[in-house]
N, C-alpha and C. Protein backbone atom coordinates (compact mmCIF):
# COMPACT_ATOMS: atom_id res chain seq x y z
N MET A 1 231.43 -81.48 84.00
CA MET A 1 230.53 -82.10 84.96
C MET A 1 229.53 -82.98 84.22
N PRO A 2 229.46 -84.24 84.56
CA PRO A 2 228.55 -85.13 83.84
C PRO A 2 227.09 -84.76 84.09
N ASN A 3 226.28 -84.99 83.10
CA ASN A 3 224.86 -84.69 83.19
C ASN A 3 224.09 -85.95 83.56
N THR A 4 224.49 -86.59 84.66
CA THR A 4 223.81 -87.80 85.10
C THR A 4 223.39 -87.63 86.55
N LEU A 5 222.28 -88.21 86.89
CA LEU A 5 221.78 -88.18 88.26
C LEU A 5 222.43 -89.32 89.04
N PRO A 6 222.72 -89.09 90.33
CA PRO A 6 223.26 -90.19 91.12
C PRO A 6 222.22 -91.29 91.26
N ARG A 7 222.69 -92.52 91.30
CA ARG A 7 221.79 -93.68 91.37
C ARG A 7 222.16 -94.56 92.55
N MET A 8 221.16 -94.96 93.31
CA MET A 8 221.36 -95.93 94.36
C MET A 8 221.63 -97.28 93.70
N LYS A 9 222.52 -98.05 94.27
CA LYS A 9 222.87 -99.36 93.70
C LYS A 9 221.74 -100.37 93.94
N LEU A 10 221.50 -101.18 92.91
CA LEU A 10 220.54 -102.28 92.98
C LEU A 10 221.22 -103.56 92.53
N SER A 11 220.72 -104.68 93.04
CA SER A 11 221.16 -105.96 92.49
C SER A 11 220.51 -106.14 91.12
N ARG A 12 221.00 -107.08 90.36
CA ARG A 12 220.42 -107.36 89.04
C ARG A 12 218.94 -107.75 89.17
N GLU A 13 218.63 -108.57 90.21
CA GLU A 13 217.25 -109.01 90.41
C GLU A 13 216.34 -107.85 90.81
N GLU A 14 216.87 -106.94 91.66
CA GLU A 14 216.08 -105.77 92.07
C GLU A 14 215.76 -104.88 90.87
N GLU A 15 216.78 -104.62 90.06
CA GLU A 15 216.55 -103.76 88.90
C GLU A 15 215.58 -104.41 87.92
N ALA A 16 215.73 -105.70 87.67
CA ALA A 16 214.81 -106.40 86.75
C ALA A 16 213.39 -106.33 87.27
N TYR A 17 213.22 -106.56 88.57
CA TYR A 17 211.88 -106.50 89.15
C TYR A 17 211.30 -105.10 89.02
N LEU A 18 212.05 -104.08 89.39
CA LEU A 18 211.51 -102.71 89.37
C LEU A 18 211.19 -102.25 87.95
N ARG A 19 212.03 -102.61 87.00
CA ARG A 19 211.73 -102.24 85.61
C ARG A 19 210.45 -102.93 85.13
N ARG A 20 210.26 -104.18 85.51
CA ARG A 20 209.02 -104.87 85.13
C ARG A 20 207.83 -104.25 85.85
N TRP A 21 208.01 -103.83 87.11
CA TRP A 21 206.93 -103.20 87.86
C TRP A 21 206.52 -101.89 87.19
N ILE A 22 207.50 -101.12 86.73
CA ILE A 22 207.20 -99.89 85.99
C ILE A 22 206.34 -100.24 84.77
N TYR A 23 206.75 -101.26 84.03
CA TYR A 23 206.00 -101.68 82.85
C TYR A 23 204.58 -102.10 83.23
N ASP A 24 204.46 -102.92 84.26
CA ASP A 24 203.14 -103.40 84.68
C ASP A 24 202.23 -102.24 85.09
N GLU A 25 202.78 -101.27 85.81
CA GLU A 25 201.98 -100.12 86.23
C GLU A 25 201.53 -99.29 85.03
N ALA A 26 202.41 -99.16 84.04
CA ALA A 26 202.04 -98.38 82.85
C ALA A 26 201.00 -99.10 82.00
N HIS A 27 200.90 -100.42 82.14
CA HIS A 27 199.96 -101.21 81.34
C HIS A 27 198.89 -101.87 82.22
N PHE A 28 198.47 -101.15 83.26
CA PHE A 28 197.52 -101.73 84.22
C PHE A 28 196.21 -102.14 83.58
N ARG A 29 195.84 -101.50 82.50
CA ARG A 29 194.57 -101.85 81.84
C ARG A 29 194.61 -103.24 81.20
N ASP A 30 195.81 -103.76 81.00
CA ASP A 30 195.96 -105.11 80.45
C ASP A 30 195.83 -106.18 81.52
N GLY A 31 195.63 -105.77 82.76
CA GLY A 31 195.55 -106.70 83.89
C GLY A 31 196.88 -106.72 84.63
N PRO A 32 196.87 -107.31 85.81
CA PRO A 32 198.11 -107.32 86.59
C PRO A 32 199.18 -108.20 85.96
N GLY A 33 200.33 -107.62 85.76
CA GLY A 33 201.46 -108.37 85.22
C GLY A 33 202.18 -109.10 86.34
N PRO A 34 203.25 -109.81 86.02
CA PRO A 34 203.93 -110.61 87.03
C PRO A 34 204.54 -109.79 88.18
N ALA A 35 205.07 -108.62 87.89
CA ALA A 35 205.64 -107.81 88.97
C ALA A 35 204.53 -107.27 89.88
N LYS A 36 203.42 -106.88 89.29
CA LYS A 36 202.30 -106.40 90.10
C LYS A 36 201.76 -107.52 90.98
N ARG A 37 201.66 -108.73 90.42
CA ARG A 37 201.17 -109.86 91.23
C ARG A 37 202.12 -110.15 92.40
N LEU A 38 203.42 -110.07 92.15
CA LEU A 38 204.39 -110.26 93.23
C LEU A 38 204.25 -109.16 94.28
N GLN A 39 204.06 -107.93 93.84
CA GLN A 39 203.87 -106.82 94.77
C GLN A 39 202.67 -107.09 95.67
N LEU A 40 201.57 -107.51 95.09
CA LEU A 40 200.37 -107.79 95.86
C LEU A 40 200.58 -108.98 96.79
N ALA A 41 201.25 -110.01 96.32
CA ALA A 41 201.49 -111.19 97.15
C ALA A 41 202.34 -110.87 98.37
N HIS A 42 203.25 -109.90 98.23
CA HIS A 42 204.12 -109.52 99.33
C HIS A 42 203.61 -108.29 100.09
N GLN A 43 202.40 -107.85 99.73
CA GLN A 43 201.74 -106.73 100.38
C GLN A 43 202.63 -105.48 100.42
N ALA A 44 203.35 -105.26 99.36
CA ALA A 44 204.20 -104.07 99.26
C ALA A 44 203.36 -102.88 98.81
N ILE A 45 203.65 -101.75 99.38
CA ILE A 45 202.93 -100.51 99.07
C ILE A 45 203.55 -99.92 97.80
N PRO A 46 202.73 -99.58 96.80
CA PRO A 46 203.28 -99.03 95.56
C PRO A 46 204.16 -97.80 95.77
N ALA A 47 203.81 -96.93 96.71
CA ALA A 47 204.63 -95.74 96.96
C ALA A 47 206.02 -96.12 97.46
N ASP A 48 206.13 -97.24 98.18
CA ASP A 48 207.45 -97.68 98.63
C ASP A 48 208.30 -98.13 97.46
N LEU A 49 207.70 -98.85 96.53
CA LEU A 49 208.44 -99.25 95.33
C LEU A 49 208.82 -98.02 94.51
N ALA A 50 207.93 -97.05 94.43
CA ALA A 50 208.22 -95.82 93.69
C ALA A 50 209.37 -95.05 94.34
N THR A 51 209.47 -95.11 95.67
CA THR A 51 210.58 -94.45 96.36
C THR A 51 211.91 -95.10 95.98
N ILE A 52 211.94 -96.42 95.94
CA ILE A 52 213.16 -97.12 95.54
C ILE A 52 213.51 -96.79 94.09
N ILE A 53 212.49 -96.74 93.24
CA ILE A 53 212.71 -96.39 91.84
C ILE A 53 213.28 -94.98 91.73
N ALA A 54 212.74 -94.03 92.49
CA ALA A 54 213.21 -92.65 92.43
C ALA A 54 214.70 -92.56 92.79
N ALA A 55 215.14 -93.40 93.72
CA ALA A 55 216.54 -93.37 94.12
C ALA A 55 217.43 -94.14 93.16
N ALA A 56 216.93 -95.23 92.60
CA ALA A 56 217.78 -96.11 91.79
C ALA A 56 217.66 -95.88 90.29
N ILE A 57 216.51 -95.38 89.85
CA ILE A 57 216.30 -95.12 88.41
C ILE A 57 215.73 -93.71 88.31
N PRO A 58 216.55 -92.69 88.64
CA PRO A 58 216.02 -91.33 88.78
C PRO A 58 215.71 -90.60 87.47
N ASP A 59 216.24 -91.06 86.38
CA ASP A 59 216.04 -90.36 85.10
C ASP A 59 214.65 -90.66 84.54
N PRO A 60 213.80 -89.62 84.39
CA PRO A 60 212.45 -89.85 83.84
C PRO A 60 212.47 -90.53 82.47
N ALA A 61 213.48 -90.23 81.67
CA ALA A 61 213.55 -90.87 80.35
C ALA A 61 213.82 -92.37 80.50
N ASP A 62 214.63 -92.74 81.46
CA ASP A 62 214.92 -94.16 81.72
C ASP A 62 213.66 -94.85 82.24
N GLN A 63 212.91 -94.18 83.10
CA GLN A 63 211.65 -94.74 83.59
C GLN A 63 210.64 -94.90 82.46
N ALA A 64 210.57 -93.89 81.59
CA ALA A 64 209.65 -93.97 80.45
C ALA A 64 210.03 -95.12 79.53
N ALA A 65 211.31 -95.31 79.31
CA ALA A 65 211.76 -96.42 78.47
C ALA A 65 211.38 -97.75 79.09
N ALA A 66 211.48 -97.85 80.42
CA ALA A 66 211.11 -99.10 81.10
C ALA A 66 209.61 -99.38 80.95
N SER A 67 208.83 -98.35 80.77
CA SER A 67 207.38 -98.53 80.66
C SER A 67 206.94 -99.00 79.28
N THR A 68 207.84 -98.99 78.32
CA THR A 68 207.43 -99.31 76.95
C THR A 68 207.76 -100.72 76.50
N VAL A 69 208.76 -101.34 77.10
CA VAL A 69 209.17 -102.68 76.68
C VAL A 69 209.19 -103.60 77.90
N ALA A 70 208.42 -104.68 77.83
CA ALA A 70 208.36 -105.62 78.94
C ALA A 70 209.67 -106.40 79.02
N PRO A 71 210.36 -106.32 80.17
CA PRO A 71 211.57 -107.14 80.32
C PRO A 71 211.22 -108.63 80.24
N THR A 72 212.12 -109.40 79.74
CA THR A 72 211.91 -110.85 79.65
C THR A 72 212.79 -111.55 80.67
N GLY A 73 212.57 -112.81 80.83
CA GLY A 73 213.37 -113.60 81.75
C GLY A 73 212.62 -113.88 83.04
N LEU A 74 213.25 -114.68 83.87
CA LEU A 74 212.67 -115.06 85.15
C LEU A 74 212.54 -113.85 86.05
N LEU A 75 211.37 -113.68 86.63
CA LEU A 75 211.12 -112.56 87.53
C LEU A 75 210.88 -113.11 88.93
N VAL A 76 211.61 -112.58 89.89
CA VAL A 76 211.46 -113.00 91.27
C VAL A 76 211.29 -111.77 92.15
N TRP A 77 210.66 -111.98 93.32
CA TRP A 77 210.61 -110.93 94.33
C TRP A 77 212.01 -110.90 94.95
N PRO A 78 212.74 -109.80 94.79
CA PRO A 78 214.15 -109.82 95.15
C PRO A 78 214.49 -109.53 96.61
N TRP A 79 213.49 -109.41 97.46
CA TRP A 79 213.75 -109.04 98.85
C TRP A 79 213.07 -109.99 99.82
N THR A 80 213.65 -110.10 101.01
CA THR A 80 212.93 -110.66 102.13
C THR A 80 212.18 -109.50 102.77
N GLU A 81 211.29 -109.78 103.69
CA GLU A 81 210.56 -108.68 104.34
C GLU A 81 211.53 -107.73 105.02
N HIS A 82 212.52 -108.28 105.69
CA HIS A 82 213.48 -107.44 106.41
C HIS A 82 214.32 -106.60 105.46
N ASN A 83 214.89 -107.22 104.43
CA ASN A 83 215.78 -106.42 103.59
C ASN A 83 215.02 -105.49 102.65
N PHE A 84 213.71 -105.73 102.43
CA PHE A 84 212.91 -104.75 101.68
C PHE A 84 212.85 -103.45 102.48
N HIS A 85 212.61 -103.55 103.77
CA HIS A 85 212.54 -102.35 104.60
C HIS A 85 213.91 -101.68 104.70
N ASP A 86 214.97 -102.48 104.70
CA ASP A 86 216.32 -101.90 104.67
C ASP A 86 216.53 -101.14 103.37
N LYS A 87 216.13 -101.74 102.24
CA LYS A 87 216.31 -101.09 100.93
C LYS A 87 215.48 -99.81 100.85
N LEU A 88 214.26 -99.86 101.40
CA LEU A 88 213.42 -98.67 101.41
C LEU A 88 214.06 -97.57 102.26
N GLY A 89 214.60 -97.94 103.42
CA GLY A 89 215.29 -96.97 104.27
C GLY A 89 216.50 -96.38 103.56
N GLU A 90 217.23 -97.22 102.86
CA GLU A 90 218.39 -96.76 102.08
C GLU A 90 217.94 -95.76 101.01
N ALA A 91 216.84 -96.07 100.32
CA ALA A 91 216.33 -95.18 99.28
C ALA A 91 215.89 -93.84 99.88
N ARG A 92 215.19 -93.90 101.00
CA ARG A 92 214.76 -92.65 101.66
C ARG A 92 215.96 -91.80 102.06
N ALA A 93 216.97 -92.44 102.63
CA ALA A 93 218.18 -91.70 103.02
C ALA A 93 218.88 -91.13 101.79
N PHE A 94 218.95 -91.92 100.73
CA PHE A 94 219.58 -91.49 99.48
C PHE A 94 218.89 -90.25 98.93
N LEU A 95 217.56 -90.22 99.06
CA LEU A 95 216.76 -89.10 98.56
C LEU A 95 216.64 -87.96 99.58
N GLY A 96 217.16 -88.17 100.79
CA GLY A 96 217.07 -87.14 101.82
C GLY A 96 215.68 -87.04 102.42
N LEU A 97 214.96 -88.16 102.50
CA LEU A 97 213.61 -88.18 103.04
C LEU A 97 213.60 -88.77 104.43
N THR A 98 212.57 -88.43 105.20
CA THR A 98 212.36 -89.06 106.50
C THR A 98 211.63 -90.37 106.28
N ALA A 99 211.41 -91.11 107.36
CA ALA A 99 210.69 -92.38 107.26
C ALA A 99 209.28 -92.18 106.73
N ALA A 100 208.70 -91.01 106.93
CA ALA A 100 207.36 -90.73 106.44
C ALA A 100 207.37 -90.26 104.99
N GLY A 101 208.54 -90.19 104.38
CA GLY A 101 208.62 -89.80 102.99
C GLY A 101 208.69 -88.30 102.77
N LYS A 102 208.87 -87.52 103.83
CA LYS A 102 208.94 -86.07 103.72
C LYS A 102 210.40 -85.62 103.78
N THR A 103 210.68 -84.50 103.15
CA THR A 103 212.00 -83.90 103.26
C THR A 103 212.08 -83.27 104.64
N PRO A 104 213.15 -83.53 105.40
CA PRO A 104 213.25 -82.95 106.74
C PRO A 104 213.10 -81.43 106.70
N GLY A 105 212.36 -80.92 107.68
CA GLY A 105 212.17 -79.48 107.79
C GLY A 105 211.00 -78.93 107.00
N THR A 106 210.24 -79.79 106.33
CA THR A 106 209.08 -79.31 105.59
C THR A 106 207.82 -79.61 106.38
N ALA A 107 206.84 -78.74 106.23
CA ALA A 107 205.58 -78.91 106.95
C ALA A 107 204.70 -79.89 106.19
N ALA A 108 203.85 -80.57 106.95
CA ALA A 108 202.88 -81.47 106.34
C ALA A 108 201.82 -80.65 105.64
N PRO A 109 201.26 -81.18 104.54
CA PRO A 109 200.22 -80.42 103.81
C PRO A 109 198.97 -80.23 104.61
C-alpha cells in the first residue's frame, strides 16, 4: 500500500499560484508577495485557499517545502469568480466537508 495521500487535481497555473501563496503567507513579514496581492485583489478568503491546498497539496512536508523556496515564473490568478467557487466546492467534497467547512455530523464549537 503506497504511503501517499490522495490529491485533488490542479491545473499547472493553480498549483503554481497556491505554492507561491504558501510561500507568501510564510514570509508575510517581508510584505505582501505577488500571490497575496492577487488574493487581495480578488477578495479571496485565505481559509478558502487553505481548503484547496489541503485537498490538493495534503502532505505537510510538501507544504513546508513550498514555504521555503519562492517559485519563479509568471504568476496569474488561475480562476474566474465562478470556477473558484467550483474549485472550492470540489475541495470541500474531496475533504468530506460541508459548505461551511465542517465535517458532516459534527457539532459546531
